[in-house]
Structure formats: structure tokens, C-alpha cells
């Protein structure tokens, strides 16, 4: 043990913090995995005891200015990092089109489309952010609606049922609504 600690009854219990300004007897000391010295709870972090080996297990990454790709540069000096980035640019994997992230095509919407926050419209086939996923929110061109007669008939029936439902106070309390021009509709 470094510095011996403990109590009269248990002389081997605990250790003194090896921070020169602290020297606190700690019964649950921490051993730094960088410098292998013993510290109290307050001085256990690399930063709090100015550990000279704080980056022994860390990794570094540099970002390509052209395509925004992350390139691991652990263990390289500035010249090595520069040569790694040049090698990446020559490799053919550096695509400048990847740098610009796709955004929602709705006017004045600046939402960046990621794998988790976009929806492809079933009617026009364009990707939109979640706020503009519905055809009424993005002024849908309905390109596929003209090609698909069954879908357009279904949409017409749905819109007709919706308008009838709105006229009857959301359809609550009525078992069905029927008219000569529309099929019967059940309310839920």
C-alpha cells in the first residue's frame, strides 16, 4: 500500500489520496488506469489529478472537409493525419455529394432528413420530414394517384366518408349513414 492508512484495529484498510494537496484517507480508493496512482473520489478523474497518461486508451477522429466522413487518426501526429486525409480523398470513397445533408423539400422547412425522421409519400414518392408527411401538408402532386385507379377510388370514398362524418357531428351515436350516391358507412 502506498502510504498505509486504516485505523488502529484495521491498519491495512484504505489508502491516502496521492494528490499532493489532498492526502485524504479513503476507505474505498480509486486506482487510476492511466498513471496507476491511488486517489479519493474527488480526485479520481484524469482532469482532477492532471494525469499524464489520460489519453492512453482514447481514440481520435478527424473529419474530412470534402465529404464529412469520420476517419480514425489514433496515434498519428499532424503530418500523419494530413497524409491519412489525403489518402482518403484519393481512395475514391470521398464523395462531396455526401457532405450536403438532404432537407425537407417543403418551402421554408430546413429539417435535415435522416434515416429516422423521414417518410416517403405514397402518393408522390417524395421524402418529407415528419411534420410534412401528410399530402395536405406538402402540396402533394399525386403522381402515382393518376396511375393507380383503385387507390384514387379508395381516397374518394374516404374523403366522402370523412365529409359525411364531419356533417353529422363526428358520427357518434348513429349506426350508419346512407345516401343514394354513397355506400353505407359505419361509425365507430
N, C-alpha and C. Protein backbone atom coordinates (compact mmCIF):
# COMPACT_ATOMS: atom_id res chain seq x y z
N UNK A 1 0.83 -1.19 0.00
CA UNK A 1 0.00 0.00 0.00
C UNK A 1 0.87 1.24 0.00
N UNK A 2 0.39 2.22 -0.68
CA UNK A 2 1.12 3.48 -0.73
C UNK A 2 0.69 4.36 0.41
N UNK A 3 1.50 4.54 1.36
CA UNK A 3 1.20 5.48 2.44
C UNK A 3 0.54 4.84 3.63
N UNK A 4 0.09 3.60 3.56
CA UNK A 4 -0.55 2.94 4.71
C UNK A 4 -1.65 3.79 5.30
N UNK A 5 -2.68 3.23 5.69
CA UNK A 5 -3.79 4.00 6.23
C UNK A 5 -4.49 3.19 7.26
N UNK A 6 -5.77 3.24 7.25
CA UNK A 6 -6.58 2.44 8.12
C UNK A 6 -6.74 3.01 9.51
N UNK A 7 -7.18 2.17 10.38
CA UNK A 7 -7.41 2.54 11.78
C UNK A 7 -6.52 1.67 12.66
N UNK A 8 -6.58 1.90 13.94
CA UNK A 8 -5.77 1.08 14.84
C UNK A 8 -6.17 -0.38 14.76
N UNK A 9 -7.47 -0.64 14.66
CA UNK A 9 -7.95 -2.02 14.60
C UNK A 9 -7.70 -2.64 13.23
N UNK A 10 -7.77 -1.85 12.17
CA UNK A 10 -7.57 -2.35 10.81
C UNK A 10 -6.54 -1.46 10.09
N UNK A 11 -5.27 -1.69 10.34
CA UNK A 11 -4.23 -0.81 9.79
C UNK A 11 -4.09 -0.90 8.27
N UNK A 12 -4.55 -1.98 7.64
CA UNK A 12 -4.42 -2.13 6.18
C UNK A 12 -5.66 -1.67 5.43
N UNK A 13 -6.60 -1.05 6.11
CA UNK A 13 -7.85 -0.63 5.48
C UNK A 13 -7.69 0.77 4.89
N UNK A 14 -8.00 0.91 3.60
CA UNK A 14 -7.99 2.21 2.95
C UNK A 14 -6.60 2.68 2.57
N UNK A 15 -6.56 3.76 1.80
CA UNK A 15 -5.30 4.37 1.37
C UNK A 15 -5.47 5.88 1.31
N UNK A 16 -4.36 6.57 1.38
CA UNK A 16 -4.37 8.03 1.29
C UNK A 16 -4.37 8.44 -0.19
N UNK A 17 -5.13 9.48 -0.49
CA UNK A 17 -5.16 10.03 -1.83
C UNK A 17 -3.76 10.54 -2.18
N UNK A 18 -3.28 10.24 -3.37
CA UNK A 18 -1.93 10.62 -3.76
C UNK A 18 -1.86 11.98 -4.46
N UNK A 19 -2.96 12.73 -4.40
CA UNK A 19 -2.93 14.11 -4.86
C UNK A 19 -2.17 14.89 -3.78
N UNK A 20 -1.13 15.62 -4.16
CA UNK A 20 -0.30 16.29 -3.14
C UNK A 20 -1.06 17.28 -2.26
N UNK A 21 -2.16 17.84 -2.77
CA UNK A 21 -2.92 18.82 -1.99
C UNK A 21 -4.01 18.18 -1.13
N UNK A 22 -4.23 16.87 -1.26
CA UNK A 22 -5.36 16.23 -0.58
C UNK A 22 -4.90 15.30 0.55
N UNK A 23 -4.30 14.20 0.21
CA UNK A 23 -3.83 13.19 1.17
C UNK A 23 -4.94 12.63 2.06
N UNK A 24 -6.17 12.68 1.61
CA UNK A 24 -7.32 12.18 2.37
C UNK A 24 -7.25 10.66 2.50
N UNK A 25 -7.54 10.15 3.71
CA UNK A 25 -7.60 8.71 3.90
C UNK A 25 -8.97 8.25 3.36
N UNK A 26 -8.94 7.43 2.33
CA UNK A 26 -10.17 6.97 1.68
C UNK A 26 -10.28 5.47 1.87
N UNK A 27 -11.41 5.01 2.39
CA UNK A 27 -11.59 3.58 2.63
C UNK A 27 -12.02 2.83 1.38
N UNK A 28 -12.43 3.57 0.34
CA UNK A 28 -12.75 2.97 -0.96
C UNK A 28 -11.98 3.75 -2.03
N UNK A 29 -10.67 3.60 -2.09
CA UNK A 29 -9.86 4.40 -3.02
C UNK A 29 -10.02 3.93 -4.47
N UNK A 30 -9.64 4.81 -5.38
CA UNK A 30 -9.69 4.53 -6.81
C UNK A 30 -8.26 4.50 -7.35
N UNK A 31 -7.95 3.51 -8.16
CA UNK A 31 -6.65 3.44 -8.81
C UNK A 31 -6.82 3.90 -10.24
N UNK A 32 -6.06 4.92 -10.62
CA UNK A 32 -6.13 5.48 -11.97
C UNK A 32 -5.55 4.47 -12.95
N UNK A 33 -6.26 4.18 -14.03
CA UNK A 33 -5.75 3.23 -15.01
C UNK A 33 -4.71 3.85 -15.94
N UNK A 34 -4.52 5.16 -15.85
CA UNK A 34 -3.51 5.83 -16.65
C UNK A 34 -2.16 5.86 -15.95
N UNK A 35 -2.13 6.47 -14.76
CA UNK A 35 -0.87 6.63 -14.04
C UNK A 35 -0.67 5.62 -12.92
N UNK A 36 -1.68 4.80 -12.64
CA UNK A 36 -1.63 3.73 -11.62
C UNK A 36 -1.48 4.25 -10.20
N UNK A 37 -1.80 5.51 -9.94
CA UNK A 37 -1.77 6.06 -8.59
C UNK A 37 -3.15 5.94 -7.96
N UNK A 38 -3.22 6.10 -6.64
CA UNK A 38 -4.46 5.94 -5.88
C UNK A 38 -5.02 7.32 -5.54
N UNK A 39 -6.35 7.49 -5.73
CA UNK A 39 -6.99 8.77 -5.48
C UNK A 39 -8.33 8.59 -4.77
N UNK A 40 -8.76 9.66 -4.11
CA UNK A 40 -10.08 9.68 -3.47
C UNK A 40 -11.14 9.95 -4.55
N UNK A 41 -12.38 9.95 -4.14
CA UNK A 41 -13.49 10.18 -5.07
C UNK A 41 -13.36 11.51 -5.80
N UNK A 42 -12.96 12.54 -5.10
CA UNK A 42 -12.87 13.88 -5.68
C UNK A 42 -11.77 13.99 -6.73
N UNK A 43 -10.68 13.25 -6.58
CA UNK A 43 -9.54 13.38 -7.48
C UNK A 43 -9.36 12.18 -8.41
N UNK A 44 -10.37 11.36 -8.58
CA UNK A 44 -10.21 10.14 -9.38
C UNK A 44 -10.19 10.39 -10.88
N UNK A 45 -10.79 11.48 -11.38
CA UNK A 45 -10.83 11.71 -12.82
C UNK A 45 -9.47 12.17 -13.33
N UNK A 46 -9.20 11.91 -14.61
CA UNK A 46 -7.92 12.31 -15.22
C UNK A 46 -7.68 13.81 -15.05
N UNK A 47 -8.73 14.58 -15.28
CA UNK A 47 -8.60 16.03 -15.25
C UNK A 47 -8.31 16.55 -13.84
N UNK A 48 -8.94 15.95 -12.84
CA UNK A 48 -8.79 16.46 -11.48
C UNK A 48 -7.40 16.21 -10.89
N UNK A 49 -6.68 15.19 -11.38
CA UNK A 49 -5.32 14.97 -10.87
C UNK A 49 -4.26 15.15 -11.96
N UNK A 50 -4.64 15.79 -13.06
CA UNK A 50 -3.72 16.10 -14.17
C UNK A 50 -2.90 14.87 -14.57
N UNK A 51 -3.60 13.81 -14.91
CA UNK A 51 -2.95 12.55 -15.26
C UNK A 51 -2.12 12.70 -16.54
N UNK A 52 -0.86 12.32 -16.49
CA UNK A 52 -0.02 12.44 -17.70
C UNK A 52 -0.36 11.38 -18.76
N UNK A 53 -1.03 10.31 -18.38
CA UNK A 53 -1.39 9.23 -19.31
C UNK A 53 -2.89 9.17 -19.57
N UNK A 54 -3.56 10.30 -19.55
CA UNK A 54 -5.01 10.30 -19.66
C UNK A 54 -5.52 9.83 -21.01
N UNK A 55 -4.73 9.92 -22.05
CA UNK A 55 -5.21 9.53 -23.37
C UNK A 55 -4.69 8.16 -23.82
N UNK A 56 -4.22 7.33 -22.89
CA UNK A 56 -3.62 6.05 -23.26
C UNK A 56 -4.61 5.09 -23.93
N UNK A 57 -5.88 5.19 -23.64
CA UNK A 57 -6.87 4.30 -24.24
C UNK A 57 -7.86 5.01 -25.12
N UNK A 58 -7.61 6.27 -25.43
CA UNK A 58 -8.58 7.04 -26.20
C UNK A 58 -8.33 6.92 -27.70
N UNK A 59 -9.32 7.29 -28.46
CA UNK A 59 -9.25 7.26 -29.92
C UNK A 59 -9.50 8.67 -30.43
N UNK A 60 -8.85 9.02 -31.53
CA UNK A 60 -9.09 10.33 -32.14
C UNK A 60 -9.63 10.13 -33.55
N UNK A 61 -10.45 11.08 -33.97
CA UNK A 61 -11.09 11.02 -35.28
C UNK A 61 -10.98 12.39 -35.91
N UNK A 62 -10.67 12.42 -37.20
CA UNK A 62 -10.67 13.67 -37.96
C UNK A 62 -11.79 13.61 -38.99
N UNK A 63 -12.36 14.76 -39.28
CA UNK A 63 -13.48 14.85 -40.22
C UNK A 63 -12.97 15.37 -41.56
N UNK A 64 -13.30 14.68 -42.63
CA UNK A 64 -12.91 15.09 -43.97
C UNK A 64 -13.70 16.35 -44.34
N UNK A 65 -12.98 17.37 -44.79
CA UNK A 65 -13.62 18.64 -45.17
C UNK A 65 -14.48 18.49 -46.42
N UNK A 66 -14.16 17.54 -47.29
CA UNK A 66 -14.87 17.37 -48.55
C UNK A 66 -16.20 16.64 -48.40
N UNK A 67 -16.18 15.50 -47.68
CA UNK A 67 -17.39 14.68 -47.62
C UNK A 67 -17.95 14.47 -46.22
N UNK A 68 -17.34 15.06 -45.21
CA UNK A 68 -17.77 14.94 -43.81
C UNK A 68 -17.66 13.52 -43.25
N UNK A 69 -16.80 12.70 -43.83
CA UNK A 69 -16.58 11.34 -43.32
C UNK A 69 -15.65 11.40 -42.12
N UNK A 70 -15.89 10.54 -41.14
CA UNK A 70 -15.04 10.44 -39.95
C UNK A 70 -13.94 9.43 -40.22
N UNK A 71 -12.68 9.85 -40.02
CA UNK A 71 -11.52 8.99 -40.28
C UNK A 71 -10.73 8.87 -38.98
N UNK A 72 -10.52 7.62 -38.52
CA UNK A 72 -9.80 7.41 -37.27
C UNK A 72 -8.33 7.77 -37.45
N UNK A 73 -7.83 8.61 -36.54
CA UNK A 73 -6.44 9.09 -36.61
C UNK A 73 -5.70 8.83 -35.30
N UNK A 74 -6.09 7.80 -34.57
CA UNK A 74 -5.46 7.48 -33.29
C UNK A 74 -3.98 7.17 -33.50
N UNK A 75 -3.13 7.82 -32.71
CA UNK A 75 -1.71 7.55 -32.75
C UNK A 75 -0.93 8.28 -33.83
N UNK A 76 -1.57 9.13 -34.63
CA UNK A 76 -0.87 9.86 -35.68
C UNK A 76 -0.60 11.29 -35.24
N UNK A 77 0.53 11.83 -35.68
CA UNK A 77 0.82 13.24 -35.44
C UNK A 77 0.16 14.07 -36.55
N UNK A 78 0.38 15.38 -36.57
CA UNK A 78 -0.29 16.26 -37.53
C UNK A 78 0.05 15.87 -38.98
N UNK A 79 1.30 15.53 -39.25
CA UNK A 79 1.69 15.12 -40.61
C UNK A 79 1.01 13.81 -41.00
N UNK A 80 0.93 12.88 -40.06
CA UNK A 80 0.27 11.60 -40.32
C UNK A 80 -1.21 11.77 -40.59
N UNK A 81 -1.85 12.66 -39.83
CA UNK A 81 -3.28 12.94 -40.03
C UNK A 81 -3.49 13.55 -41.41
N UNK A 82 -2.61 14.47 -41.79
CA UNK A 82 -2.72 15.12 -43.10
C UNK A 82 -2.58 14.09 -44.22
N UNK A 83 -1.63 13.16 -44.08
CA UNK A 83 -1.46 12.14 -45.12
C UNK A 83 -2.63 11.16 -45.16
N UNK A 84 -3.21 10.85 -43.99
CA UNK A 84 -4.41 9.98 -43.97
C UNK A 84 -5.58 10.63 -44.69
N UNK A 85 -5.78 11.92 -44.46
CA UNK A 85 -6.87 12.63 -45.13
C UNK A 85 -6.65 12.71 -46.63
N UNK A 86 -5.40 12.93 -47.06
CA UNK A 86 -5.09 12.95 -48.50
C UNK A 86 -5.32 11.58 -49.12
N UNK A 87 -4.93 10.52 -48.41
CA UNK A 87 -5.14 9.15 -48.89
C UNK A 87 -6.64 8.86 -49.04
N UNK A 88 -7.44 9.34 -48.07
CA UNK A 88 -8.89 9.16 -48.14
C UNK A 88 -9.46 9.86 -49.37
N UNK A 89 -9.01 11.08 -49.66
CA UNK A 89 -9.51 11.83 -50.81
C UNK A 89 -9.16 11.13 -52.13
N UNK A 90 -8.00 10.49 -52.20
CA UNK A 90 -7.58 9.78 -53.42
C UNK A 90 -8.23 8.41 -53.54
N UNK A 91 -8.79 7.88 -52.46
CA UNK A 91 -9.29 6.50 -52.45
C UNK A 91 -10.53 6.27 -53.30
N UNK A 92 -11.25 7.30 -53.62
CA UNK A 92 -12.50 7.13 -54.36
C UNK A 92 -13.72 7.06 -53.45
N UNK A 93 -13.49 6.93 -52.15
CA UNK A 93 -14.60 6.90 -51.19
C UNK A 93 -15.03 8.29 -50.77
N UNK A 94 -14.27 9.29 -51.16
CA UNK A 94 -14.57 10.66 -50.77
C UNK A 94 -15.54 11.25 -51.79
N UNK A 95 -16.81 11.35 -51.40
CA UNK A 95 -17.86 11.83 -52.30
C UNK A 95 -18.41 13.16 -51.78
N UNK A 96 -18.12 14.27 -52.47
CA UNK A 96 -18.59 15.58 -51.99
C UNK A 96 -20.10 15.69 -51.89
N UNK A 97 -20.83 14.87 -52.64
CA UNK A 97 -22.30 14.94 -52.57
C UNK A 97 -22.82 14.46 -51.23
N UNK A 98 -22.02 13.68 -50.49
CA UNK A 98 -22.45 13.21 -49.18
C UNK A 98 -22.40 14.31 -48.12
N UNK A 99 -21.64 15.37 -48.37
CA UNK A 99 -21.48 16.43 -47.38
C UNK A 99 -22.79 17.16 -47.13
N UNK A 100 -23.50 17.48 -48.20
CA UNK A 100 -24.75 18.21 -48.04
C UNK A 100 -25.84 17.22 -47.64
N UNK A 101 -26.38 17.43 -46.48
CA UNK A 101 -27.43 16.55 -45.98
C UNK A 101 -28.75 16.91 -46.65
N UNK A 102 -29.57 15.90 -46.98
CA UNK A 102 -30.86 16.21 -47.60
C UNK A 102 -31.79 16.90 -46.61
N UNK A 103 -32.54 17.87 -47.10
CA UNK A 103 -33.51 18.57 -46.25
C UNK A 103 -34.90 18.38 -46.82
N UNK A 104 -35.88 18.65 -46.02
CA UNK A 104 -37.28 18.53 -46.42
C UNK A 104 -37.54 19.50 -47.59
N UNK A 105 -38.17 19.03 -48.67
CA UNK A 105 -38.38 19.89 -49.83
C UNK A 105 -39.50 20.93 -49.68
N UNK A 106 -40.22 20.93 -48.56
CA UNK A 106 -41.28 21.91 -48.36
C UNK A 106 -40.66 23.29 -48.19
N UNK A 107 -41.26 24.27 -48.83
CA UNK A 107 -40.74 25.64 -48.80
C UNK A 107 -40.60 26.12 -47.35
N UNK A 108 -39.45 26.70 -47.03
CA UNK A 108 -39.10 27.27 -45.72
C UNK A 108 -38.88 26.21 -44.63
N UNK A 109 -38.93 24.94 -44.97
CA UNK A 109 -38.64 23.89 -43.97
C UNK A 109 -37.16 23.54 -44.08
N UNK A 110 -36.44 23.63 -43.02
CA UNK A 110 -35.00 23.39 -43.00
C UNK A 110 -34.65 22.08 -42.28
N UNK A 111 -35.62 21.21 -42.06
CA UNK A 111 -35.40 19.96 -41.33
C UNK A 111 -34.49 19.03 -42.14
N UNK A 112 -33.37 18.60 -41.53
CA UNK A 112 -32.45 17.66 -42.17
C UNK A 112 -33.08 16.28 -42.10
N UNK A 113 -33.13 15.60 -43.24
CA UNK A 113 -33.73 14.27 -43.30
C UNK A 113 -32.68 13.23 -42.96
N UNK A 114 -32.94 12.46 -41.90
CA UNK A 114 -32.05 11.37 -41.52
C UNK A 114 -32.79 10.07 -41.74
N UNK A 115 -32.16 8.96 -41.40
CA UNK A 115 -32.82 7.67 -41.61
C UNK A 115 -34.06 7.50 -40.74
N UNK A 116 -34.15 8.25 -39.64
CA UNK A 116 -35.24 8.04 -38.70
C UNK A 116 -36.34 9.09 -38.76
N UNK A 117 -36.12 10.19 -39.44
CA UNK A 117 -37.15 11.25 -39.39
C UNK A 117 -37.69 11.61 -40.76
N UNK A 118 -37.77 10.65 -41.67
CA UNK A 118 -38.36 10.97 -42.97
C UNK A 118 -39.37 9.92 -43.37
N UNK A 119 -40.30 10.35 -44.18
CA UNK A 119 -41.36 9.49 -44.70
C UNK A 119 -41.44 9.72 -46.20
N UNK A 120 -41.56 8.64 -46.97
CA UNK A 120 -41.78 8.78 -48.41
C UNK A 120 -43.28 8.77 -48.66
N UNK A 121 -43.76 9.82 -49.29
CA UNK A 121 -45.20 9.94 -49.57
C UNK A 121 -45.63 8.85 -50.53
N UNK A 122 -46.70 8.17 -50.21
CA UNK A 122 -47.21 7.10 -51.07
C UNK A 122 -47.82 7.65 -52.36
N UNK A 123 -48.25 8.89 -52.32
CA UNK A 123 -48.89 9.47 -53.50
C UNK A 123 -47.90 10.03 -54.51
N UNK A 124 -46.91 10.82 -54.04
CA UNK A 124 -45.99 11.46 -54.98
C UNK A 124 -44.60 10.85 -54.97
N UNK A 125 -44.26 10.01 -53.99
CA UNK A 125 -42.98 9.33 -53.96
C UNK A 125 -41.81 10.18 -53.49
N UNK A 126 -42.06 11.34 -52.88
CA UNK A 126 -41.01 12.23 -52.42
C UNK A 126 -40.85 12.07 -50.92
N UNK A 127 -39.58 12.20 -50.43
CA UNK A 127 -39.31 12.10 -48.99
C UNK A 127 -39.55 13.45 -48.32
N UNK A 128 -40.24 13.41 -47.18
CA UNK A 128 -40.55 14.61 -46.40
C UNK A 128 -40.21 14.36 -44.94
N UNK A 129 -40.08 15.45 -44.16
CA UNK A 129 -39.89 15.32 -42.72
C UNK A 129 -41.22 14.88 -42.10
N UNK A 130 -41.19 14.53 -40.83
CA UNK A 130 -42.40 14.02 -40.18
C UNK A 130 -43.50 15.07 -40.07
N UNK A 131 -43.12 16.36 -39.97
CA UNK A 131 -44.13 17.41 -39.88
C UNK A 131 -44.91 17.55 -41.19
N UNK A 132 -44.30 17.23 -42.31
CA UNK A 132 -44.93 17.40 -43.62
C UNK A 132 -45.23 16.07 -44.30
N UNK A 133 -45.48 15.01 -43.54
CA UNK A 133 -45.68 13.68 -44.10
C UNK A 133 -47.03 13.50 -44.79
N UNK A 134 -48.03 14.28 -44.41
CA UNK A 134 -49.35 14.11 -45.00
C UNK A 134 -49.46 14.91 -46.30
N UNK A 135 -50.20 14.40 -47.29
CA UNK A 135 -50.33 15.10 -48.57
C UNK A 135 -50.83 16.54 -48.45
N UNK A 136 -51.68 16.81 -47.48
CA UNK A 136 -52.18 18.19 -47.33
C UNK A 136 -51.12 19.12 -46.76
N UNK A 137 -50.08 18.58 -46.12
CA UNK A 137 -49.03 19.40 -45.54
C UNK A 137 -47.91 19.73 -46.51
N UNK A 138 -47.80 19.01 -47.62
CA UNK A 138 -46.71 19.27 -48.56
C UNK A 138 -47.18 19.53 -49.99
N UNK A 139 -48.41 19.88 -50.19
CA UNK A 139 -48.96 20.16 -51.52
C UNK A 139 -48.57 19.03 -52.48
N UNK A 140 -49.13 17.90 -52.20
CA UNK A 140 -48.81 16.66 -52.90
C UNK A 140 -49.18 16.74 -54.38
N UNK A 141 -48.28 16.27 -55.26
CA UNK A 141 -48.54 16.27 -56.70
C UNK A 141 -49.33 15.04 -57.14
N UNK A 142 -49.42 14.05 -56.30
CA UNK A 142 -50.20 12.84 -56.54
C UNK A 142 -49.88 12.20 -57.89
N UNK A 143 -48.60 11.99 -58.17
CA UNK A 143 -48.18 11.38 -59.43
C UNK A 143 -48.67 9.94 -59.53
N UNK A 144 -48.58 9.19 -58.45
CA UNK A 144 -48.98 7.78 -58.52
C UNK A 144 -50.48 7.61 -58.41
N UNK A 145 -51.19 8.62 -57.93
CA UNK A 145 -52.64 8.51 -57.85
C UNK A 145 -53.25 8.40 -59.23
N UNK A 146 -52.74 9.13 -60.20
CA UNK A 146 -53.28 9.08 -61.55
C UNK A 146 -53.05 7.72 -62.18
N UNK A 147 -51.97 7.07 -61.82
CA UNK A 147 -51.64 5.75 -62.36
C UNK A 147 -52.39 4.62 -61.67
N UNK A 148 -52.87 4.86 -60.49
CA UNK A 148 -53.49 3.80 -59.71
C UNK A 148 -54.97 4.13 -59.50
N UNK A 149 -55.83 3.51 -60.29
CA UNK A 149 -57.27 3.78 -60.20
C UNK A 149 -57.89 3.29 -58.91
N UNK A 150 -57.43 2.15 -58.38
CA UNK A 150 -58.02 1.62 -57.16
C UNK A 150 -57.71 2.52 -55.97
N UNK A 151 -56.51 3.06 -55.92
CA UNK A 151 -56.16 3.92 -54.81
C UNK A 151 -56.98 5.21 -54.87
N UNK A 152 -57.17 5.77 -56.05
CA UNK A 152 -57.93 7.01 -56.16
C UNK A 152 -59.39 6.79 -55.77
N UNK A 153 -59.96 5.64 -56.15
CA UNK A 153 -61.34 5.35 -55.73
C UNK A 153 -61.42 5.22 -54.21
N UNK A 154 -60.42 4.55 -53.62
CA UNK A 154 -60.42 4.41 -52.17
C UNK A 154 -60.33 5.78 -51.51
N UNK A 155 -59.45 6.66 -52.02
CA UNK A 155 -59.31 8.00 -51.46
C UNK A 155 -60.59 8.80 -51.61
N UNK A 156 -61.25 8.67 -52.76
CA UNK A 156 -62.52 9.39 -52.95
C UNK A 156 -63.56 8.92 -51.94
N UNK A 157 -63.65 7.61 -51.73
CA UNK A 157 -64.60 7.09 -50.75
C UNK A 157 -64.25 7.56 -49.34
N UNK A 158 -62.97 7.56 -49.03
CA UNK A 158 -62.53 8.00 -47.71
C UNK A 158 -62.88 9.47 -47.49
N UNK A 159 -62.58 10.32 -48.46
CA UNK A 159 -62.86 11.74 -48.32
C UNK A 159 -64.37 12.00 -48.23
N UNK A 160 -65.16 11.24 -48.98
CA UNK A 160 -66.61 11.38 -48.90
C UNK A 160 -67.12 10.96 -47.52
N UNK A 161 -66.59 9.86 -47.00
CA UNK A 161 -66.99 9.40 -45.67
C UNK A 161 -66.58 10.41 -44.61
N UNK A 162 -65.41 11.00 -44.76
CA UNK A 162 -64.93 12.00 -43.82
C UNK A 162 -65.83 13.23 -43.82
N UNK A 163 -66.21 13.66 -45.00
CA UNK A 163 -67.08 14.84 -45.06
C UNK A 163 -68.46 14.54 -44.46
N UNK A 164 -68.99 13.34 -44.72
CA UNK A 164 -70.28 12.97 -44.12
C UNK A 164 -70.17 12.88 -42.60
N UNK A 165 -69.07 12.37 -42.14
CA UNK A 165 -68.86 12.24 -40.71
C UNK A 165 -68.80 13.62 -40.05
N UNK A 166 -68.11 14.56 -40.68
CA UNK A 166 -68.00 15.91 -40.13
C UNK A 166 -69.35 16.63 -40.11
N UNK A 167 -70.19 16.35 -41.11
CA UNK A 167 -71.52 16.98 -41.14
C UNK A 167 -72.41 16.47 -40.03
N UNK A 168 -72.24 15.23 -39.62
CA UNK A 168 -73.11 14.60 -38.63
C UNK A 168 -72.52 14.66 -37.23
N UNK A 169 -71.61 15.58 -36.94
CA UNK A 169 -71.05 15.68 -35.60
C UNK A 169 -70.16 14.51 -35.25
N UNK A 170 -69.27 14.16 -36.12
CA UNK A 170 -68.30 13.08 -35.94
C UNK A 170 -68.94 11.71 -35.96
N UNK A 171 -70.20 11.58 -36.32
CA UNK A 171 -70.82 10.28 -36.49
C UNK A 171 -71.08 9.53 -35.21
N UNK A 172 -70.92 10.10 -34.08
CA UNK A 172 -71.14 9.39 -32.83
C UNK A 172 -72.66 9.28 -32.60
N UNK A 173 -73.06 8.10 -32.20
CA UNK A 173 -74.45 7.88 -31.85
C UNK A 173 -75.31 7.41 -33.01
N UNK A 174 -74.80 7.44 -34.22
CA UNK A 174 -75.57 6.93 -35.35
C UNK A 174 -74.96 5.62 -35.78
N UNK A 175 -75.80 4.67 -36.15
CA UNK A 175 -75.29 3.37 -36.53
C UNK A 175 -74.77 3.37 -37.95
N UNK A 176 -75.40 4.09 -38.85
CA UNK A 176 -74.90 4.17 -40.22
C UNK A 176 -75.52 5.37 -40.91
N UNK A 177 -74.85 5.83 -41.93
CA UNK A 177 -75.33 6.94 -42.74
C UNK A 177 -75.36 6.43 -44.16
N UNK A 178 -76.48 6.60 -44.83
CA UNK A 178 -76.53 6.13 -46.21
C UNK A 178 -77.23 7.17 -47.06
N UNK A 179 -76.80 7.22 -48.30
CA UNK A 179 -77.45 8.09 -49.27
C UNK A 179 -77.42 7.35 -50.60
N UNK A 180 -78.14 7.86 -51.56
CA UNK A 180 -78.24 7.16 -52.83
C UNK A 180 -76.92 7.21 -53.60
N UNK A 181 -76.07 8.24 -53.37
CA UNK A 181 -74.83 8.37 -54.13
C UNK A 181 -73.63 7.76 -53.41
N UNK A 182 -73.75 7.43 -52.13
CA UNK A 182 -72.60 6.90 -51.42
C UNK A 182 -72.94 5.58 -50.75
N UNK A 183 -71.97 4.73 -50.57
CA UNK A 183 -72.20 3.47 -49.86
C UNK A 183 -72.44 3.72 -48.38
N UNK A 184 -72.99 2.73 -47.72
CA UNK A 184 -73.25 2.91 -46.27
C UNK A 184 -71.93 2.91 -45.52
N UNK A 185 -71.89 3.73 -44.50
CA UNK A 185 -70.67 3.92 -43.72
C UNK A 185 -71.00 3.67 -42.26
N UNK A 186 -70.20 2.87 -41.63
CA UNK A 186 -70.40 2.62 -40.21
C UNK A 186 -69.58 3.61 -39.42
N UNK A 187 -70.11 4.06 -38.29
CA UNK A 187 -69.32 4.92 -37.41
C UNK A 187 -68.80 4.06 -36.26
N UNK A 188 -67.68 4.45 -35.76
CA UNK A 188 -67.03 3.67 -34.70
C UNK A 188 -67.12 4.37 -33.38
